[in-house]
Amino acid sequence: MCLGIPGKIVEIYETDGLKMGKIDFGGVIKEACLAYVPDAQVGEYTIIHVGFALNRIDEDEAQKTLELFNQIGLIEEELDIGDA
């Protein structure tokens, strides 16, 4: 299953002309392309799907979604972490 997961932008940089970022998913840091959200800033939350930020989301909604995903065990699967 592929879901859009909310994460916090902790760093923004450019790679080969693309706006990229390091995204914090509750302690797991992954890289994502930020080209579709050009106004995104460090500290904001965004929905990440297959390595691309799709839109910005407010912190409260991001936290609620992350908590729900944690409760049903989807975070590890989607971020490819855990016992795999």
Protein backbone atom coordinates (compact mmCIF):
# COMPACT_ATOMS: atom_id res chain seq x y z
CA MET A 1 0.00 0.00 0.00
CA CYS A 2 1.30 3.48 -0.77
CA LEU A 3 0.05 6.30 1.39
CA GLY A 4 0.90 9.96 1.63
CA ILE A 5 2.65 10.38 4.98
CA PRO A 6 2.95 13.74 6.75
CA GLY A 7 6.45 14.79 7.72
CA LYS A 8 8.24 17.88 8.99
CA ILE A 9 10.72 19.62 6.72
CA VAL A 10 14.00 19.90 8.65
CA GLU A 11 16.33 20.93 5.84
CA ILE A 12 15.97 22.35 2.32
CA TYR A 13 18.65 22.23 -0.37
CA GLU A 14 19.04 21.94 -4.12
CA THR A 15 20.26 18.87 -6.02
CA ASP A 16 20.72 18.97 -9.79
CA GLY A 17 18.41 21.99 -10.00
CA LEU A 18 15.63 20.40 -7.93
CA LYS A 19 14.41 21.69 -4.58
CA MET A 20 14.94 18.82 -2.14
CA GLY A 21 14.49 18.38 1.57
CA LYS A 22 15.14 16.18 4.54
CA ILE A 23 11.83 15.19 6.07
CA ASP A 24 11.36 14.02 9.67
CA PHE A 25 8.72 11.34 10.16
CA GLY A 26 8.80 11.18 13.95
CA GLY A 27 12.52 10.47 14.16
CA VAL A 28 13.00 8.77 10.80
CA ILE A 29 14.64 11.16 8.32
CA LYS A 30 14.08 10.61 4.60
CA GLU A 31 14.86 12.69 1.52
CA ALA A 32 12.06 14.03 -0.67
CA CYS A 33 11.65 16.26 -3.70
CA LEU A 34 9.99 19.59 -2.83
CA ALA A 35 9.53 20.81 -6.42
CA TYR A 36 5.71 20.58 -6.18
CA VAL A 37 5.65 22.76 -3.05
CA PRO A 38 8.06 25.57 -4.00
CA ASP A 39 6.97 27.85 -1.13
CA ALA A 40 7.56 25.19 1.55
CA GLN A 41 9.82 26.26 4.43
CA VAL A 42 11.85 24.49 7.10
CA GLY A 43 9.56 23.69 10.05
CA GLU A 44 6.45 23.18 7.94
CA TYR A 45 4.72 19.86 7.42
CA THR A 46 4.07 18.29 4.05
CA ILE A 47 2.46 15.15 2.70
CA ILE A 48 5.09 12.87 1.13
CA HIS A 49 4.15 10.20 -1.40
CA VAL A 50 6.81 8.04 -3.10
CA GLY A 51 9.52 10.60 -2.40
CA PHE A 52 7.63 13.71 -3.50
CA ALA A 53 6.04 16.41 -1.36
CA LEU A 54 2.51 16.91 -2.66
CA ASN A 55 1.17 19.71 -0.49
CA ARG A 56 1.66 21.45 2.83
CA ILE A 57 -0.39 20.50 5.89
CA ASP A 58 -0.79 22.18 9.27
CA GLU A 59 1.04 20.68 12.25
CA ASP A 60 -2.11 19.66 14.14
CA GLU A 61 -3.47 17.68 11.20
CA ALA A 62 -0.04 16.12 10.58
CA GLN A 63 0.24 14.96 14.20
CA LYS A 64 -3.27 13.48 14.19
CA THR A 65 -2.55 11.58 10.98
CA LEU A 66 0.82 10.29 12.22
CA GLU A 67 -0.75 9.11 15.47
CA LEU A 68 -3.47 7.23 13.57
CA PHE A 69 -0.92 5.63 11.24
CA ASN A 70 1.18 4.60 14.26
CA GLN A 71 -1.85 3.05 15.97
CA ILE A 72 -2.62 0.85 12.97
CA GLY A 73 1.04 0.04 12.26
CA LEU A 74 1.38 1.69 8.87
CA ILE A 75 4.34 3.98 9.55
CA GLU A 76 6.95 1.21 9.60
CA GLU A 77 5.56 -0.37 6.44
CA GLU A 78 5.35 2.89 4.51
CA LEU A 79 8.79 4.13 5.58
CA ASP A 80 10.37 0.70 5.09
CA ILE A 81 11.62 0.43 8.68
CA GLY A 82 11.19 -2.09 11.44
CA ASP A 83 11.87 -5.82 11.38
CA ALA A 84 12.17 -6.14 7.59
